[in-house]
Each structure stands twice: as C-alpha cells, then as structure tokens.
C-alpha cells in the first residue's frame, strides 16, 4: 500500500513538473529587475505580458507596471538559461499614434539593433513538447500541443523602429553596404532570413562588419 502511494505521489510530482515545462515564458515567474521611469529599481519575481504591455513584480505582494512607467526590465529565463532584456519604446502598432510598448532586444550595435515581440500562435500542424531548447536563440520556436511561440521582428535603425517583413530582399535593404559579405556568411553557416537565432547571428555579424 505504501509503495503504491509512493508511486502515485511520484507520478503526481512528475505530472506537475511536466505541466510547468509546458508553459510559455510569458506564463512563468522569472527572477528579474524592473527599472521604473521614476529611477527606482524593483527586484523580485517578474512576469511579463507583451500583448497588453504589462509587467508584474512579485515580492510580498504583486505590483503591476505598464510600459508607460517602466524604462526597461530584465529577467533570467531558466527555460533556456539566459538573461533577456526588454525596453519600453514608442511605436504605433495599429497605425494610429505612437505609445510606449515593450520590445525584447536580441542584439544591438552602433548601427542597428534587432528587436522582437513574441506571441502565442495556434499551430495544428506541429504537435510537440515545450522543451528547454524552445527559447534558445540558436533554435527555432518550439511547440506545445496546438500552440507555438511566434515572433514579430523589428530593426531599430536611424532612430526609427521598422517592422521586418521576413522577406530576404528587405533584410538586405536594412543591412545595406555588406550584401556580399552577409550573403556569404549566411551560405557558409546555413542561416535562414526568417528564424530567430539566425537573424540574431546575421545582425550581430553586420554590426561587427560596421566596427571595421
């Protein structure tokens, strides 16, 4: 009887662990810091909501901040093991007028920065488990049952934020001046123009070229 109860308990714990793994990063509390527009730094557990441009802080209580009263925040994402940084920047999502919204900074240099905004998309084609490689920038987006993590990409250049169309010719227009070098770099490293990790490497390489 005791052995059976122990087995049931272990299965329950394993199930809870699996449920925790099958969550997207925005659904999980992360260790992090929030930097307020008032100059204050708030540390604790952080959860973000890019759809509504909110970030929450959990200490003794839960506090909610908007992109209007936060300059930036950072989290340590244990799903893929790394620091992630988000900045509040003015942008018009719907074409009306600019308001502060959160962008994740993937890589930045003196000339250009690669930004993104993640969202959860319905995906009935790929049925997989949300695993530790899902947010690693050198892997593509993983899937949960019926859902996947998707991204919109933006380039910050000449003090403007431009949404990337995911068209190769537009990428070369944005990374102008080194088309031959970037094309060779992509071929040698088998990089695609529309994948998170590949875009990160391409943009970082472009910024390195601009240093020389």
N, C-alpha and C. Protein backbone atom coordinates (compact mmCIF):
# COMPACT_ATOMS: atom_id res chain seq x y z
N UNK A 1 0.83 -1.20 0.00
CA UNK A 1 0.00 0.00 0.00
C UNK A 1 0.87 1.25 0.00
N UNK A 2 1.90 1.27 0.90
CA UNK A 2 2.80 2.42 0.98
C UNK A 2 3.54 2.60 -0.34
N UNK A 3 3.94 1.44 -0.93
CA UNK A 3 4.66 1.50 -2.19
C UNK A 3 3.78 2.09 -3.29
N UNK A 4 2.49 1.70 -3.27
CA UNK A 4 1.55 2.21 -4.27
C UNK A 4 1.34 3.72 -4.09
N UNK A 5 1.22 4.16 -2.82
CA UNK A 5 1.05 5.58 -2.56
C UNK A 5 2.28 6.37 -3.00
N UNK A 6 3.47 5.81 -2.76
CA UNK A 6 4.71 6.47 -3.17
C UNK A 6 4.76 6.61 -4.69
N UNK A 7 4.34 5.55 -5.37
CA UNK A 7 4.33 5.58 -6.84
C UNK A 7 3.38 6.65 -7.36
N UNK A 8 2.18 6.73 -6.74
CA UNK A 8 1.19 7.73 -7.14
C UNK A 8 1.73 9.14 -6.89
N UNK A 9 2.39 9.32 -5.73
CA UNK A 9 2.95 10.63 -5.39
C UNK A 9 4.02 11.05 -6.41
N UNK A 10 4.90 10.10 -6.75
CA UNK A 10 5.96 10.40 -7.71
C UNK A 10 5.37 10.74 -9.08
N UNK A 11 4.31 10.02 -9.48
CA UNK A 11 3.67 10.31 -10.75
C UNK A 11 3.03 11.69 -10.74
N UNK A 12 2.43 12.07 -9.61
CA UNK A 12 1.80 13.38 -9.48
C UNK A 12 2.84 14.49 -9.58
N UNK A 13 3.97 14.30 -8.89
CA UNK A 13 5.05 15.29 -8.95
C UNK A 13 5.59 15.41 -10.37
N UNK A 14 5.76 14.26 -11.02
CA UNK A 14 6.26 14.26 -12.40
C UNK A 14 5.28 14.98 -13.33
N UNK A 15 3.98 14.77 -13.09
CA UNK A 15 2.96 15.44 -13.91
C UNK A 15 3.01 16.94 -13.71
N UNK A 16 3.15 17.40 -12.45
CA UNK A 16 3.26 18.83 -12.18
C UNK A 16 4.49 19.42 -12.85
N UNK A 17 5.59 18.67 -12.80
CA UNK A 17 6.81 19.13 -13.46
C UNK A 17 6.62 19.27 -14.95
N UNK A 18 5.92 18.31 -15.56
CA UNK A 18 5.65 18.36 -16.99
C UNK A 18 4.76 19.53 -17.34
N UNK A 19 3.76 19.80 -16.49
CA UNK A 19 2.87 20.93 -16.71
C UNK A 19 3.66 22.24 -16.66
N UNK A 20 4.58 22.34 -15.70
CA UNK A 20 5.40 23.54 -15.57
C UNK A 20 6.26 23.75 -16.80
N UNK A 21 6.78 22.63 -17.36
CA UNK A 21 7.60 22.74 -18.55
C UNK A 21 6.77 23.14 -19.77
N UNK A 22 5.50 22.74 -19.78
CA UNK A 22 4.64 23.02 -20.92
C UNK A 22 3.98 24.38 -20.80
N UNK A 23 4.76 25.36 -20.38
CA UNK A 23 4.29 26.73 -20.30
C UNK A 23 5.22 27.60 -21.13
N UNK A 24 4.66 28.64 -21.71
CA UNK A 24 5.49 29.58 -22.44
C UNK A 24 6.15 30.54 -21.45
N UNK A 25 7.25 31.16 -21.85
CA UNK A 25 7.97 32.04 -20.91
C UNK A 25 7.13 33.14 -20.29
N UNK A 26 6.16 33.66 -21.03
CA UNK A 26 5.33 34.75 -20.50
C UNK A 26 4.35 34.27 -19.43
N UNK A 27 4.23 32.95 -19.26
CA UNK A 27 3.30 32.41 -18.27
C UNK A 27 4.01 32.04 -16.97
N UNK A 28 5.29 32.32 -16.89
CA UNK A 28 6.10 31.87 -15.76
C UNK A 28 6.71 33.07 -15.04
N UNK A 29 6.87 32.96 -13.73
CA UNK A 29 7.57 33.98 -12.95
C UNK A 29 9.08 33.74 -13.06
N UNK A 30 9.81 34.82 -13.35
CA UNK A 30 11.27 34.74 -13.51
C UNK A 30 11.94 35.68 -12.50
N UNK A 31 13.12 35.34 -12.05
CA UNK A 31 13.91 36.28 -11.28
C UNK A 31 14.31 37.43 -12.19
N UNK A 32 14.15 38.65 -11.68
CA UNK A 32 14.49 39.77 -12.55
C UNK A 32 14.42 41.12 -11.86
N UNK A 33 14.59 42.15 -12.68
CA UNK A 33 14.57 43.54 -12.21
C UNK A 33 13.72 44.37 -13.14
N UNK A 34 13.00 45.33 -12.56
CA UNK A 34 12.22 46.30 -13.31
C UNK A 34 12.79 47.68 -13.01
N UNK A 35 13.06 48.44 -14.06
CA UNK A 35 13.62 49.78 -13.90
C UNK A 35 12.53 50.80 -14.24
N UNK A 36 12.07 51.47 -13.20
CA UNK A 36 10.95 52.38 -13.35
C UNK A 36 11.35 53.70 -13.99
N UNK A 37 10.37 54.38 -14.58
CA UNK A 37 10.62 55.70 -15.16
C UNK A 37 10.95 56.72 -14.08
N UNK A 38 10.65 56.38 -12.82
CA UNK A 38 10.97 57.27 -11.71
C UNK A 38 12.39 57.09 -11.20
N UNK A 39 13.16 56.21 -11.86
CA UNK A 39 14.55 55.99 -11.46
C UNK A 39 14.72 54.88 -10.43
N UNK A 40 13.64 54.31 -9.97
CA UNK A 40 13.70 53.25 -8.97
C UNK A 40 13.93 51.89 -9.65
N UNK A 41 14.63 51.02 -8.93
CA UNK A 41 14.83 49.64 -9.38
C UNK A 41 14.06 48.70 -8.47
N UNK A 42 13.28 47.81 -9.07
CA UNK A 42 12.46 46.88 -8.31
C UNK A 42 12.91 45.46 -8.65
N UNK A 43 13.27 44.70 -7.62
CA UNK A 43 13.78 43.34 -7.82
C UNK A 43 12.85 42.33 -7.18
N UNK A 44 12.74 41.18 -7.82
CA UNK A 44 11.89 40.11 -7.31
C UNK A 44 11.59 39.13 -8.43
N UNK A 45 10.41 38.53 -8.37
CA UNK A 45 9.96 37.65 -9.44
C UNK A 45 9.15 38.47 -10.44
N UNK A 46 9.44 38.29 -11.71
CA UNK A 46 8.87 39.13 -12.76
C UNK A 46 8.12 38.26 -13.77
N UNK A 47 6.94 38.72 -14.16
CA UNK A 47 6.17 38.08 -15.23
C UNK A 47 5.74 39.17 -16.21
N UNK A 48 5.84 38.87 -17.51
CA UNK A 48 5.53 39.90 -18.50
C UNK A 48 4.34 39.49 -19.37
N UNK A 49 3.69 40.51 -19.91
CA UNK A 49 2.54 40.33 -20.80
C UNK A 49 2.72 41.32 -21.95
N UNK A 50 3.30 40.84 -23.06
CA UNK A 50 3.58 41.74 -24.17
C UNK A 50 2.31 42.14 -24.92
N UNK A 51 1.31 41.29 -24.89
CA UNK A 51 0.07 41.61 -25.59
C UNK A 51 -0.56 42.87 -25.02
N UNK A 52 -0.52 43.01 -23.70
CA UNK A 52 -1.11 44.17 -23.03
C UNK A 52 -0.06 45.15 -22.54
N UNK A 53 1.23 44.87 -22.84
CA UNK A 53 2.33 45.75 -22.44
C UNK A 53 2.33 46.03 -20.94
N UNK A 54 2.29 44.92 -20.21
CA UNK A 54 2.33 44.97 -18.75
C UNK A 54 3.48 44.11 -18.25
N UNK A 55 4.01 44.47 -17.09
CA UNK A 55 5.00 43.63 -16.42
C UNK A 55 4.65 43.64 -14.93
N UNK A 56 4.70 42.47 -14.31
CA UNK A 56 4.33 42.34 -12.91
C UNK A 56 5.54 41.98 -12.06
N UNK A 57 5.52 42.45 -10.83
CA UNK A 57 6.57 42.17 -9.85
C UNK A 57 5.95 41.48 -8.65
N UNK A 58 6.51 40.35 -8.26
CA UNK A 58 6.04 39.63 -7.09
C UNK A 58 7.08 39.69 -6.00
N UNK A 59 6.74 40.34 -4.90
CA UNK A 59 7.57 40.35 -3.68
C UNK A 59 6.67 39.86 -2.56
N UNK A 60 6.38 40.71 -1.58
CA UNK A 60 5.37 40.33 -0.59
C UNK A 60 3.97 40.41 -1.20
N UNK A 61 3.86 41.23 -2.24
CA UNK A 61 2.59 41.37 -2.96
C UNK A 61 2.91 41.48 -4.45
N UNK A 62 1.89 41.52 -5.27
CA UNK A 62 2.08 41.64 -6.72
C UNK A 62 1.78 43.06 -7.16
N UNK A 63 2.74 43.68 -7.83
CA UNK A 63 2.57 45.03 -8.37
C UNK A 63 2.59 44.95 -9.89
N UNK A 64 1.78 45.78 -10.52
CA UNK A 64 1.68 45.78 -11.98
C UNK A 64 2.16 47.11 -12.53
N UNK A 65 3.02 47.04 -13.54
CA UNK A 65 3.56 48.23 -14.21
C UNK A 65 3.15 48.20 -15.68
N UNK A 66 2.97 49.37 -16.25
CA UNK A 66 2.72 49.48 -17.68
C UNK A 66 4.00 49.94 -18.39
N UNK A 67 4.00 49.85 -19.70
CA UNK A 67 5.16 50.30 -20.47
C UNK A 67 5.37 51.81 -20.33
N UNK A 68 4.35 52.52 -19.88
CA UNK A 68 4.47 53.97 -19.71
C UNK A 68 5.27 54.36 -18.48
N UNK A 69 5.29 53.49 -17.45
CA UNK A 69 6.03 53.85 -16.25
C UNK A 69 7.23 52.95 -15.99
N UNK A 70 7.68 52.27 -17.06
CA UNK A 70 8.89 51.43 -16.99
C UNK A 70 9.80 51.79 -18.16
N UNK A 71 11.09 51.97 -17.89
CA UNK A 71 12.04 52.19 -18.99
C UNK A 71 12.49 50.87 -19.58
N UNK A 72 12.77 49.89 -18.73
CA UNK A 72 13.16 48.57 -19.20
C UNK A 72 13.07 47.57 -18.05
N UNK A 73 13.08 46.29 -18.41
CA UNK A 73 13.16 45.25 -17.39
C UNK A 73 13.96 44.08 -17.94
N UNK A 74 14.48 43.27 -17.02
CA UNK A 74 15.30 42.13 -17.41
C UNK A 74 14.90 40.92 -16.58
N UNK A 75 14.99 39.75 -17.20
CA UNK A 75 14.67 38.52 -16.50
C UNK A 75 15.75 37.48 -16.77
N UNK A 76 15.89 36.57 -15.82
CA UNK A 76 16.70 35.38 -16.08
C UNK A 76 15.74 34.26 -16.43
N UNK A 77 15.79 33.85 -17.68
CA UNK A 77 14.85 32.84 -18.19
C UNK A 77 15.47 31.46 -18.01
N UNK A 78 14.97 30.71 -17.03
CA UNK A 78 15.55 29.40 -16.75
C UNK A 78 15.15 28.36 -17.79
N UNK A 79 14.16 28.65 -18.63
CA UNK A 79 13.76 27.70 -19.66
C UNK A 79 14.90 27.45 -20.63
N UNK A 80 15.58 28.54 -21.02
CA UNK A 80 16.70 28.33 -21.92
C UNK A 80 18.03 28.79 -21.33
N UNK A 81 18.01 29.36 -20.13
CA UNK A 81 19.23 29.68 -19.42
C UNK A 81 19.93 30.92 -19.92
N UNK A 82 19.35 32.07 -19.72
CA UNK A 82 20.00 33.30 -20.16
C UNK A 82 19.21 34.54 -19.76
N UNK A 83 19.92 35.67 -19.76
CA UNK A 83 19.27 36.94 -19.46
C UNK A 83 18.54 37.45 -20.70
N UNK A 84 17.36 37.99 -20.49
CA UNK A 84 16.58 38.60 -21.57
C UNK A 84 16.23 40.01 -21.13
N UNK A 85 16.35 40.96 -22.06
CA UNK A 85 16.13 42.36 -21.73
C UNK A 85 15.05 42.96 -22.64
N UNK A 86 14.16 43.71 -22.02
CA UNK A 86 13.04 44.33 -22.71
C UNK A 86 13.06 45.84 -22.44
N UNK A 87 12.79 46.62 -23.48
CA UNK A 87 12.78 48.08 -23.36
C UNK A 87 11.42 48.62 -23.77
N UNK A 88 11.02 49.69 -23.11
CA UNK A 88 9.79 50.39 -23.46
C UNK A 88 10.15 51.46 -24.48
N UNK A 89 9.59 51.34 -25.70
CA UNK A 89 9.91 52.26 -26.78
C UNK A 89 8.62 52.74 -27.45
N UNK A 90 8.59 53.98 -27.91
CA UNK A 90 7.38 54.49 -28.58
C UNK A 90 7.23 53.88 -29.97
N UNK A 91 6.03 53.36 -30.24
CA UNK A 91 5.78 52.73 -31.53
C UNK A 91 4.28 52.65 -31.76
N UNK A 92 3.88 52.72 -33.01
CA UNK A 92 2.46 52.60 -33.37
C UNK A 92 2.20 51.19 -33.89
N UNK A 93 1.52 50.38 -33.10
CA UNK A 93 1.21 49.01 -33.51
C UNK A 93 0.06 48.96 -34.51
N UNK A 94 -0.88 49.87 -34.38
CA UNK A 94 -2.07 49.82 -35.23
C UNK A 94 -2.13 50.94 -36.27
N UNK A 95 -1.06 51.70 -36.39
CA UNK A 95 -1.01 52.74 -37.41
C UNK A 95 -1.61 54.07 -37.00
N UNK A 96 -2.08 54.19 -35.76
CA UNK A 96 -2.70 55.44 -35.31
C UNK A 96 -1.65 56.40 -34.76
N UNK A 97 -1.31 56.23 -33.50
CA UNK A 97 -0.30 57.10 -32.89
C UNK A 97 0.62 56.25 -32.02
N UNK A 98 1.80 56.79 -31.74
CA UNK A 98 2.80 56.04 -31.00
C UNK A 98 2.48 56.02 -29.51
N UNK A 99 2.65 54.86 -28.92
CA UNK A 99 2.54 54.70 -27.47
C UNK A 99 3.69 53.82 -27.01
N UNK A 100 4.08 53.89 -25.74
CA UNK A 100 5.16 53.03 -25.26
C UNK A 100 4.74 51.57 -25.25
N UNK A 101 5.54 50.71 -25.86
CA UNK A 101 5.30 49.28 -25.83
C UNK A 101 6.63 48.57 -25.58
N UNK A 102 6.55 47.31 -25.16
CA UNK A 102 7.75 46.56 -24.82
C UNK A 102 8.30 45.81 -26.04
N UNK A 103 9.61 45.91 -26.22
CA UNK A 103 10.34 45.14 -27.22
C UNK A 103 11.46 44.39 -26.52
N UNK A 104 11.67 43.15 -26.91
CA UNK A 104 12.86 42.42 -26.44
C UNK A 104 14.02 42.75 -27.37
N UNK A 105 15.18 43.06 -26.79
CA UNK A 105 16.38 43.34 -27.58
C UNK A 105 17.17 42.05 -27.73
N UNK A 106 17.30 41.58 -28.97
CA UNK A 106 18.03 40.34 -29.22
C UNK A 106 19.52 40.59 -29.38
N UNK A 107 19.87 41.64 -30.12
CA UNK A 107 21.27 42.03 -30.27
C UNK A 107 21.30 43.47 -30.73
N UNK A 108 22.36 44.19 -30.36
CA UNK A 108 22.45 45.59 -30.74
C UNK A 108 23.90 45.99 -30.98
N UNK A 109 24.07 46.97 -31.82
CA UNK A 109 25.38 47.51 -32.12
C UNK A 109 25.28 49.01 -32.31
N UNK A 110 26.34 49.62 -32.82
CA UNK A 110 26.33 51.06 -33.01
C UNK A 110 25.39 51.49 -34.12
N UNK A 111 25.16 50.61 -35.10
CA UNK A 111 24.38 51.00 -36.27
C UNK A 111 22.94 50.51 -36.23
N UNK A 112 22.73 49.32 -35.68
CA UNK A 112 21.40 48.72 -35.78
C UNK A 112 21.17 47.77 -34.61
N UNK A 113 19.91 47.62 -34.22
CA UNK A 113 19.53 46.67 -33.18
C UNK A 113 18.39 45.80 -33.70
N UNK A 114 18.41 44.53 -33.31
CA UNK A 114 17.33 43.60 -33.67
C UNK A 114 16.42 43.44 -32.47
N UNK A 115 15.15 43.77 -32.66
CA UNK A 115 14.15 43.67 -31.60
C UNK A 115 13.10 42.63 -31.99
N UNK A 116 12.35 42.16 -31.00
CA UNK A 116 11.24 41.27 -31.32
C UNK A 116 10.14 41.37 -30.28
N UNK A 117 8.98 40.91 -30.67
CA UNK A 117 7.84 40.77 -29.77
C UNK A 117 7.26 39.39 -30.00
N UNK A 118 7.19 38.60 -28.94
CA UNK A 118 6.71 37.24 -29.07
C UNK A 118 5.20 37.18 -28.87
N UNK A 119 4.60 36.14 -29.41
CA UNK A 119 3.18 35.89 -29.17
C UNK A 119 2.93 34.40 -29.35
N UNK A 120 1.83 33.92 -28.80
CA UNK A 120 1.47 32.51 -28.89
C UNK A 120 0.51 32.34 -30.05
N UNK A 121 0.89 31.50 -31.01
CA UNK A 121 0.08 31.28 -32.21
C UNK A 121 -0.50 29.87 -32.18
N UNK A 122 -1.66 29.72 -32.77
CA UNK A 122 -2.26 28.40 -32.91
C UNK A 122 -1.52 27.62 -33.99
N UNK A 123 -1.20 26.37 -33.70
CA UNK A 123 -0.46 25.54 -34.66
C UNK A 123 -0.99 24.12 -34.57
N UNK A 124 -1.82 23.75 -35.53
CA UNK A 124 -2.39 22.40 -35.54
C UNK A 124 -1.51 21.41 -36.29
N UNK A 125 -0.46 21.92 -36.95
CA UNK A 125 0.39 21.03 -37.75
C UNK A 125 1.46 20.35 -36.91
N UNK A 126 2.07 21.11 -35.97
CA UNK A 126 3.18 20.57 -35.18
C UNK A 126 2.73 20.29 -33.76
N UNK A 127 2.79 19.07 -33.38
CA UNK A 127 2.43 18.69 -32.02
C UNK A 127 3.70 18.23 -31.31
N UNK A 128 4.20 19.07 -30.42
CA UNK A 128 5.43 18.73 -29.75
C UNK A 128 5.39 19.18 -28.31
N UNK A 129 6.45 18.90 -27.59
CA UNK A 129 6.53 19.28 -26.17
C UNK A 129 7.36 20.54 -26.06
N UNK A 130 6.92 21.44 -25.18
CA UNK A 130 7.67 22.65 -24.89
C UNK A 130 8.90 22.26 -24.09
N UNK A 131 10.07 22.39 -24.68
CA UNK A 131 11.29 21.90 -24.05
C UNK A 131 12.27 23.00 -23.76
N UNK A 132 13.41 22.67 -23.12
CA UNK A 132 14.38 23.68 -22.71
C UNK A 132 15.06 24.38 -23.86
N UNK A 133 14.97 23.84 -25.09
CA UNK A 133 15.61 24.49 -26.23
C UNK A 133 14.68 25.49 -26.89
N UNK A 134 13.45 25.61 -26.40
CA UNK A 134 12.45 26.38 -27.10
C UNK A 134 12.77 27.84 -27.27
N UNK A 135 13.41 28.48 -26.28
CA UNK A 135 13.70 29.90 -26.40
C UNK A 135 15.18 30.16 -26.65
N UNK A 136 15.99 29.11 -26.74
CA UNK A 136 17.39 29.30 -27.05
C UNK A 136 17.49 30.00 -28.40
N UNK A 137 18.20 31.15 -28.46
CA UNK A 137 18.20 31.91 -29.71
C UNK A 137 18.80 31.19 -30.89
N UNK A 138 19.46 30.06 -30.68
CA UNK A 138 20.05 29.32 -31.78
C UNK A 138 19.17 28.15 -32.21
N UNK A 139 17.95 28.13 -31.68
CA UNK A 139 16.98 27.12 -32.09
C UNK A 139 15.72 27.83 -32.56
N UNK A 140 14.95 27.14 -33.33
CA UNK A 140 13.67 27.70 -33.77
C UNK A 140 12.65 27.57 -32.67
N UNK A 141 11.48 28.21 -32.84
CA UNK A 141 10.44 28.14 -31.81
C UNK A 141 9.90 26.74 -31.64
N UNK A 142 9.77 26.32 -30.39
CA UNK A 142 9.19 25.03 -30.08
C UNK A 142 7.67 25.12 -30.06
N UNK A 143 7.00 24.00 -29.90
CA UNK A 143 5.54 23.99 -29.89
C UNK A 143 5.01 23.30 -28.64
N UNK A 144 3.83 23.72 -28.21
CA UNK A 144 3.04 22.96 -27.26
C UNK A 144 1.95 22.28 -28.08
N UNK A 145 1.10 21.52 -27.43
CA UNK A 145 0.03 20.85 -28.15
C UNK A 145 -0.93 21.88 -28.71
N UNK A 146 -0.88 22.08 -30.04
CA UNK A 146 -1.78 23.01 -30.69
C UNK A 146 -1.33 24.45 -30.69
N UNK A 147 -0.18 24.77 -30.05
CA UNK A 147 0.28 26.15 -29.98
C UNK A 147 1.78 26.19 -30.21
N UNK A 148 2.24 27.37 -30.63
CA UNK A 148 3.67 27.56 -30.80
C UNK A 148 4.02 29.00 -30.45
N UNK A 149 5.28 29.20 -30.11
CA UNK A 149 5.77 30.53 -29.83
C UNK A 149 6.21 31.17 -31.14
N UNK A 150 5.64 32.32 -31.47
CA UNK A 150 5.95 33.00 -32.72
C UNK A 150 6.48 34.40 -32.40
N UNK A 151 7.10 35.02 -33.40
CA UNK A 151 7.76 36.31 -33.18
C UNK A 151 7.49 37.27 -34.33
N UNK A 152 7.33 38.53 -33.99
CA UNK A 152 7.43 39.63 -34.94
C UNK A 152 8.77 40.31 -34.70
N UNK A 153 9.48 40.60 -35.78
CA UNK A 153 10.82 41.18 -35.65
C UNK A 153 10.82 42.63 -36.13
N UNK A 154 11.70 43.41 -35.50
CA UNK A 154 11.82 44.82 -35.82
C UNK A 154 13.30 45.19 -35.80
N UNK A 155 13.65 46.17 -36.62
CA UNK A 155 15.00 46.71 -36.60
C UNK A 155 14.95 48.16 -36.15
N UNK A 156 15.82 48.50 -35.22
CA UNK A 156 15.95 49.89 -34.77
C UNK A 156 17.17 50.48 -35.48
N UNK A 157 16.91 51.40 -36.39
CA UNK A 157 17.97 51.98 -37.21
C UNK A 157 17.62 53.42 -37.51
N UNK A 158 18.62 54.29 -37.45
CA UNK A 158 18.42 55.72 -37.73
C UNK A 158 17.32 56.30 -36.84
N UNK A 159 17.32 55.85 -35.58
CA UNK A 159 16.35 56.33 -34.58
C UNK A 159 14.90 56.02 -34.94
N UNK A 160 14.71 54.99 -35.76
CA UNK A 160 13.37 54.56 -36.11
C UNK A 160 13.23 53.05 -35.94
N UNK A 161 12.03 52.62 -35.57
CA UNK A 161 11.74 51.20 -35.47
C UNK A 161 11.00 50.78 -36.73
N UNK A 162 11.57 49.81 -37.45
CA UNK A 162 10.97 49.32 -38.68
C UNK A 162 10.62 47.85 -38.53
N UNK A 163 9.37 47.50 -38.79
CA UNK A 163 8.97 46.10 -38.72
C UNK A 163 9.55 45.34 -39.91
N UNK A 164 10.09 44.17 -39.61
CA UNK A 164 10.72 43.36 -40.64
C UNK A 164 9.67 42.46 -41.30
N UNK A 165 9.62 42.48 -42.61
CA UNK A 165 8.59 41.76 -43.37
C UNK A 165 8.87 40.26 -43.50
N UNK A 166 10.05 39.81 -43.07
CA UNK A 166 10.54 38.43 -43.23
C UNK A 166 10.85 38.10 -44.69
N UNK A 167 10.99 39.13 -45.53
CA UNK A 167 11.42 38.93 -46.90
C UNK A 167 12.93 39.17 -47.00
N UNK A 168 13.60 38.28 -47.69
CA UNK A 168 15.06 38.33 -47.76
C UNK A 168 15.56 39.64 -48.35
N UNK A 169 14.89 40.12 -49.39
CA UNK A 169 15.34 41.36 -50.03
C UNK A 169 15.23 42.55 -49.08
N UNK A 170 14.22 42.53 -48.20
CA UNK A 170 14.08 43.62 -47.23
C UNK A 170 15.17 43.54 -46.16
N UNK A 171 15.60 42.33 -45.82
CA UNK A 171 16.70 42.18 -44.87
C UNK A 171 17.97 42.80 -45.43
N UNK A 172 18.25 42.54 -46.70
CA UNK A 172 19.45 43.09 -47.33
C UNK A 172 19.34 44.61 -47.48
N UNK A 173 18.14 45.12 -47.67
CA UNK A 173 17.97 46.58 -47.72
C UNK A 173 18.26 47.22 -46.37
N UNK A 174 17.84 46.54 -45.30
CA UNK A 174 18.09 47.06 -43.96
C UNK A 174 19.55 46.96 -43.57
N UNK A 175 20.20 45.88 -44.00
CA UNK A 175 21.61 45.67 -43.68
C UNK A 175 22.46 46.05 -44.90
N UNK A 176 22.26 47.25 -45.37
CA UNK A 176 22.89 47.68 -46.62
C UNK A 176 24.39 47.92 -46.44
N UNK A 177 25.11 47.78 -47.55
CA UNK A 177 26.53 48.06 -47.56
C UNK A 177 27.41 46.84 -47.50
N UNK A 178 26.85 45.72 -47.05
CA UNK A 178 27.65 44.50 -46.90
C UNK A 178 26.88 43.29 -47.44
N UNK A 179 26.16 43.50 -48.54
CA UNK A 179 25.32 42.44 -49.08
C UNK A 179 26.12 41.18 -49.42
N UNK A 180 27.28 41.35 -50.06
CA UNK A 180 28.08 40.19 -50.46
C UNK A 180 28.61 39.43 -49.24
N UNK A 181 29.10 40.18 -48.25
CA UNK A 181 29.64 39.54 -47.05
C UNK A 181 28.56 38.79 -46.27
N UNK A 182 27.40 39.40 -46.16
CA UNK A 182 26.31 38.77 -45.41
C UNK A 182 25.78 37.55 -46.16
N UNK A 183 25.67 37.65 -47.48
CA UNK A 183 25.20 36.52 -48.28
C UNK A 183 26.14 35.33 -48.13
N UNK A 184 27.44 35.59 -48.15
CA UNK A 184 28.43 34.52 -47.97
C UNK A 184 28.35 33.94 -46.56
N UNK A 185 28.20 34.81 -45.56
CA UNK A 185 28.08 34.38 -44.16
C UNK A 185 26.87 33.48 -43.97
N UNK A 186 25.77 33.83 -44.60
CA UNK A 186 24.55 33.03 -44.48
C UNK A 186 24.72 31.66 -45.15
N UNK A 187 25.36 31.65 -46.32
CA UNK A 187 25.55 30.38 -47.02
C UNK A 187 26.50 29.46 -46.24
N UNK A 188 27.59 30.01 -45.75
CA UNK A 188 28.58 29.20 -45.03
C UNK A 188 28.00 28.60 -43.76
N UNK A 189 27.14 29.36 -43.10
CA UNK A 189 26.59 28.91 -41.82
C UNK A 189 25.16 28.37 -41.93
N UNK A 190 24.68 28.26 -43.18
CA UNK A 190 23.34 27.72 -43.44
C UNK A 190 22.27 28.45 -42.62
N UNK A 191 22.29 29.77 -42.71
CA UNK A 191 21.37 30.60 -41.95
C UNK A 191 20.18 31.01 -42.81
N UNK A 192 19.02 31.06 -42.18
CA UNK A 192 17.80 31.49 -42.86
C UNK A 192 17.51 32.95 -42.50
N UNK A 193 16.75 33.61 -43.34
CA UNK A 193 16.46 35.03 -43.15
C UNK A 193 15.24 35.28 -42.26
N UNK A 194 14.57 34.21 -41.81
CA UNK A 194 13.32 34.39 -41.08
C UNK A 194 13.25 33.58 -39.79
N UNK A 195 14.41 33.18 -39.24
CA UNK A 195 14.44 32.43 -37.98
C UNK A 195 15.14 33.24 -36.91
N UNK A 196 14.61 33.14 -35.71
CA UNK A 196 15.07 33.98 -34.59
C UNK A 196 16.59 33.91 -34.39
N UNK A 197 17.11 32.70 -34.17
CA UNK A 197 18.53 32.56 -33.92
C UNK A 197 19.39 32.98 -35.09
N UNK A 198 18.93 32.67 -36.31
CA UNK A 198 19.69 33.03 -37.50
C UNK A 198 19.72 34.54 -37.69
N UNK A 199 18.58 35.20 -37.48
CA UNK A 199 18.52 36.65 -37.60
C UNK A 199 19.44 37.32 -36.58
N UNK A 200 19.49 36.75 -35.38
CA UNK A 200 20.36 37.28 -34.34
C UNK A 200 21.81 37.22 -34.80
N UNK A 201 22.23 36.09 -35.34
CA UNK A 201 23.61 35.92 -35.78
C UNK A 201 23.94 36.82 -36.96
N UNK A 202 23.00 36.96 -37.90
CA UNK A 202 23.22 37.80 -39.07
C UNK A 202 23.37 39.26 -38.67
N UNK A 203 22.50 39.73 -37.77
CA UNK A 203 22.56 41.13 -37.34
C UNK A 203 23.82 41.40 -36.54
N UNK A 204 24.20 40.46 -35.68
CA UNK A 204 25.44 40.63 -34.90
C UNK A 204 26.65 40.68 -35.84
N UNK A 205 26.63 39.87 -36.88
CA UNK A 205 27.74 39.88 -37.85
C UNK A 205 27.79 41.21 -38.59
N UNK A 206 26.64 41.73 -38.96
CA UNK A 206 26.57 43.04 -39.64
C UNK A 206 27.17 44.13 -38.75
N UNK A 207 26.83 44.10 -37.46
CA UNK A 207 27.38 45.10 -36.54
C UNK A 207 28.88 44.94 -36.38
N UNK A 208 29.38 43.72 -36.42
CA UNK A 208 30.83 43.50 -36.38
C UNK A 208 31.51 44.08 -37.62
N UNK A 209 30.89 43.89 -38.78
CA UNK A 209 31.45 44.44 -40.02
C UNK A 209 31.52 45.96 -39.96
N UNK A 210 30.51 46.57 -39.32
CA UNK A 210 30.48 48.03 -39.22
C UNK A 210 31.52 48.59 -38.26
N UNK A 211 32.06 47.74 -37.41
CA UNK A 211 33.12 48.19 -36.50
C UNK A 211 34.43 48.40 -37.23
N UNK A 212 34.62 47.63 -38.31
CA UNK A 212 35.91 47.63 -39.02
C UNK A 212 35.98 48.78 -40.04
